[in-house]
């Protein structure tokens, strides 16, 4: 009873005290799509990530695209709000075109997000840039990072998606052998790869708010199982953890599709770009698994000496999942 009380107290403490900064489950990138509609004339779509502070208000990240001095706006702009993003559309006229010209995003160096830039010429050729906090201004030189930017985006999305990280860590803690871990991670990979592909190729959709709530529930499920003595855990978690990973992995795939959906895929290279993004996710996922295994190895002696240390990460994972579940359910009810 004392052990259960201490765990519940720790869960409540983690939920209320530590988790306010963890409200955003991921850092979505910004996106600028520039389409040449006539010689030296461009249609621009600027998708800025925002935080929904209420049903009627949003808080931006203070980002503003800065175009070369040779460019001027034609007319006004149209604004559109969607969950997690504010979309602005406008036209530019740039004397001499944009190739060889710098493009930047003001305020990017103060954030931990990136801005993905895609420019499409009249001949359907594409140029890609990925603006970061370290390099918020870059030059259109033709080609840019190309499809490799999707690989980097996949790695960074996994490593910045705290909910995905906690789920993977929970899977690592759930199994006891390397073989079981391989089966579990493989099942999770296959599942989220499947729904990511189906979602991005237009065959399957799911409400993002519901998906995010179920992702939080998946983390809570693992936390509850981990808090339970192994002999009393559900048969599903003990005998078939790969099914748990696969089932919830299907939902995580929709979560991964959210960020890629904001950016989109190049029309002529959709499958390679999708594959590179997914490979990036797997690389980030394997990095998380490696860090978790190394940390577990380093903590063997301290945990043997102080057994309650083993419960600390589990309590934190459970507390975070409770916070997210309540917060995201509130988002569903708010409409």
Foldseek 3Di string as FASTA:
>chain_A
DVLVVVLVVLLVCLQPPVCPVCQDQFAFAWEWEWEDPDVQKTKIKTKFFWDPPAPPDIHGLPKDKDFDPQKDWDDDWDWDDDVRIIIIITMIGGVPHQAFTKIFMPNQLVDQHKYWYWYAYPVRFIAIEIAHNVRRMDGRHGNYPPLLVLLVVLQRGLVRRNLNLLLLLLLLLLDDDPVSNVLQLVLLLVQLLVLLVCVQVVNDADPPLVLQLVSLVLLLLSLVQSSDPVVPHDCCSNVPVSVSSNVNSNSVSNVLNVSCVNHHARPVCRVVSSVSSSVSNVVNSVVSSVVSVVVCVVCPVVCVVPVCVVCNSSSSSNSNSVSNNVVSVVVVVSD
